[in-house]
Amino acid sequence: MTVDNNTQGMAQLTEGFKTLGLKWIPSAGNFVSVDLKQAGQPIYDALLRKGVIVRPVGVYEMPNHLRISIGTKAENAVFLQALSDVLKNV
């Protein structure tokens, strides 16, 4: 993944988070941590059941966050749709 792809992917994810009313921790890396405003583990579990793999970060004393790796435009879109669906049903 190139720097340009990473930059575009980060913009796609953060715009999606804004749309969902979520905050995130700014990052210059290939991942972002998003604050779900609720326990992250159940959201992680629900996303996993949908085939979307993210990482909970409760072990880092961030129980309401998930770590999201930046993917392709299509992968990011699948993630954002799955996250939106899960958040509507929690």
C-alpha atoms as a PDB file:
ATOM      1  CA  MET A   1       0.000   0.000   0.000  1.00  0.00           C
ATOM      2  CA  THR A   2       1.451   3.380  -0.980  1.00  0.00           C
ATOM      3  CA  VAL A   3       1.476   6.558   1.067  1.00  0.00           C
ATOM      4  CA  ASP A   4      -1.145   8.072  -1.265  1.00  0.00           C
ATOM      5  CA  ASN A   5      -3.435   5.062  -0.837  1.00  0.00           C
ATOM      6  CA  ASN A   6      -2.979   5.279   2.925  1.00  0.00           C
ATOM      7  CA  THR A   7      -3.802   8.999   2.938  1.00  0.00           C
ATOM      8  CA  GLN A   8      -6.913   8.454   0.822  1.00  0.00           C
ATOM      9  CA  GLY A   9      -7.995   5.505   2.953  1.00  0.00           C
ATOM     10  CA  MET A  10      -7.570   7.500   6.152  1.00  0.00           C
ATOM     11  CA  ALA A  11      -9.700  10.294   4.686  1.00  0.00           C
ATOM     12  CA  GLN A  12     -12.385   7.779   3.678  1.00  0.00           C
ATOM     13  CA  LEU A  13     -12.490   6.243   7.149  1.00  0.00           C
ATOM     14  CA  THR A  14     -12.504   9.534   9.033  1.00  0.00           C
ATOM     15  CA  GLU A  15     -15.287  10.908   6.828  1.00  0.00           C
ATOM     16  CA  GLY A  16     -17.242   7.744   7.591  1.00  0.00           C
ATOM     17  CA  PHE A  17     -16.620   8.195  11.303  1.00  0.00           C
ATOM     18  CA  LYS A  18     -17.856  11.794  11.071  1.00  0.00           C
ATOM     19  CA  THR A  19     -21.019  10.583   9.342  1.00  0.00           C
ATOM     20  CA  LEU A  20     -21.560   8.068  12.153  1.00  0.00           C
ATOM     21  CA  GLY A  21     -20.902  10.707  14.821  1.00  0.00           C
ATOM     22  CA  LEU A  22     -17.760   8.977  16.064  1.00  0.00           C
ATOM     23  CA  LYS A  23     -14.410  10.421  17.125  1.00  0.00           C
ATOM     24  CA  TRP A  24     -11.017   8.906  16.445  1.00  0.00           C
ATOM     25  CA  ILE A  25      -7.418   9.322  17.495  1.00  0.00           C
ATOM     26  CA  PRO A  26      -5.484  11.056  14.691  1.00  0.00           C
ATOM     27  CA  SER A  27      -2.808   8.817  13.209  1.00  0.00           C
ATOM     28  CA  ALA A  28      -0.020   9.073  10.656  1.00  0.00           C
ATOM     29  CA  GLY A  29       0.210   5.286  10.433  1.00  0.00           C
ATOM     30  CA  ASN A  30      -1.738   2.661   8.529  1.00  0.00           C
ATOM     31  CA  PHE A  31      -4.417   2.341  11.196  1.00  0.00           C
ATOM     32  CA  VAL A  32      -6.792   4.477  13.218  1.00  0.00           C
ATOM     33  CA  SER A  33      -8.416   3.964  16.617  1.00  0.00           C
ATOM     34  CA  VAL A  34     -12.080   4.922  16.754  1.00  0.00           C
ATOM     35  CA  ASP A  35     -14.052   5.738  19.909  1.00  0.00           C
ATOM     36  CA  LEU A  36     -17.356   3.855  19.781  1.00  0.00           C
ATOM     37  CA  LYS A  37     -18.796   5.601  22.871  1.00  0.00           C
ATOM     38  CA  GLN A  38     -19.609   2.134  24.222  1.00  0.00           C
ATOM     39  CA  ALA A  39     -17.803  -1.107  24.953  1.00  0.00           C
ATOM     40  CA  GLY A  40     -15.739  -2.113  21.935  1.00  0.00           C
ATOM     41  CA  GLN A  41     -15.716  -5.884  22.490  1.00  0.00           C
ATOM     42  CA  PRO A  42     -19.388  -6.473  21.528  1.00  0.00           C
ATOM     43  CA  ILE A  43     -18.913  -4.332  18.405  1.00  0.00           C
ATOM     44  CA  TYR A  44     -15.755  -6.276  17.576  1.00  0.00           C
ATOM     45  CA  ASP A  45     -17.661  -9.558  17.984  1.00  0.00           C
ATOM     46  CA  ALA A  46     -20.533  -8.378  15.766  1.00  0.00           C
ATOM     47  CA  LEU A  47     -18.154  -7.150  13.057  1.00  0.00           C
ATOM     48  CA  LEU A  48     -16.284 -10.456  13.161  1.00  0.00           C
ATOM     49  CA  ARG A  49     -19.562 -12.321  12.598  1.00  0.00           C
ATOM     50  CA  LYS A  50     -19.992 -10.174   9.469  1.00  0.00           C
ATOM     51  CA  GLY A  51     -16.514 -11.176   8.283  1.00  0.00           C
ATOM     52  CA  VAL A  52     -14.923  -7.824   9.138  1.00  0.00           C
ATOM     53  CA  ILE A  53     -11.703  -8.122  11.121  1.00  0.00           C
ATOM     54  CA  VAL A  54     -10.649  -5.241  13.372  1.00  0.00           C
ATOM     55  CA  ARG A  55      -8.840  -5.234  16.705  1.00  0.00           C
ATOM     56  CA  PRO A  56     -10.174  -4.400  20.168  1.00  0.00           C
ATOM     57  CA  VAL A  57      -7.756  -2.340  22.250  1.00  0.00           C
ATOM     58  CA  GLY A  58      -9.181  -2.812  25.727  1.00  0.00           C
ATOM     59  CA  VAL A  59      -5.847  -4.256  26.871  1.00  0.00           C
ATOM     60  CA  TYR A  60      -4.425  -0.755  26.306  1.00  0.00           C
ATOM     61  CA  GLU A  61      -7.031   0.718  28.654  1.00  0.00           C
ATOM     62  CA  MET A  62      -9.164   1.843  25.710  1.00  0.00           C
ATOM     63  CA  PRO A  63     -12.247  -0.372  26.178  1.00  0.00           C
ATOM     64  CA  ASN A  64     -14.472   1.823  23.987  1.00  0.00           C
ATOM     65  CA  HIS A  65     -12.108   1.844  21.005  1.00  0.00           C
ATOM     66  CA  LEU A  66     -11.334  -0.404  18.068  1.00  0.00           C
ATOM     67  CA  ARG A  67      -8.160  -0.341  15.970  1.00  0.00           C
ATOM     68  CA  ILE A  68      -8.938  -0.244  12.264  1.00  0.00           C
ATOM     69  CA  SER A  69      -6.290  -0.988   9.641  1.00  0.00           C
ATOM     70  CA  ILE A  70      -6.614   1.141   6.533  1.00  0.00           C
ATOM     71  CA  GLY A  71      -7.569  -0.991   3.555  1.00  0.00           C
ATOM     72  CA  THR A  72      -8.480  -0.450  -0.060  1.00  0.00           C
ATOM     73  CA  LYS A  73     -11.355   1.834  -0.967  1.00  0.00           C
ATOM     74  CA  ALA A  74     -13.632  -1.205  -1.330  1.00  0.00           C
ATOM     75  CA  GLU A  75     -12.489  -2.761   1.959  1.00  0.00           C
ATOM     76  CA  ASN A  76     -13.001   0.508   3.814  1.00  0.00           C
ATOM     77  CA  ALA A  77     -16.498   0.829   2.340  1.00  0.00           C
ATOM     78  CA  VAL A  78     -17.399  -2.705   3.478  1.00  0.00           C
ATOM     79  CA  PHE A  79     -16.093  -1.925   6.967  1.00  0.00           C
ATOM     80  CA  LEU A  80     -17.973   1.378   7.247  1.00  0.00           C
ATOM     81  CA  GLN A  81     -21.236  -0.205   6.104  1.00  0.00           C
ATOM     82  CA  ALA A  82     -20.810  -3.110   8.532  1.00  0.00           C
ATOM     83  CA  LEU A  83     -19.990  -0.713  11.376  1.00  0.00           C
ATOM     84  CA  SER A  84     -23.044   1.388  10.580  1.00  0.00           C
ATOM     85  CA  ASP A  85     -25.254  -1.713  10.542  1.00  0.00           C
ATOM     86  CA  VAL A  86     -23.833  -3.011  13.825  1.00  0.00           C
ATOM     87  CA  LEU A  87     -24.185   0.332  15.595  1.00  0.00           C
ATOM     88  CA  LYS A  88     -27.849   0.553  14.553  1.00  0.00           C
ATOM     89  CA  ASN A  89     -28.529  -2.821  16.159  1.00  0.00           C
ATOM     90  CA  VAL A  90     -26.707  -2.407  19.463  1.00  0.00           C
END
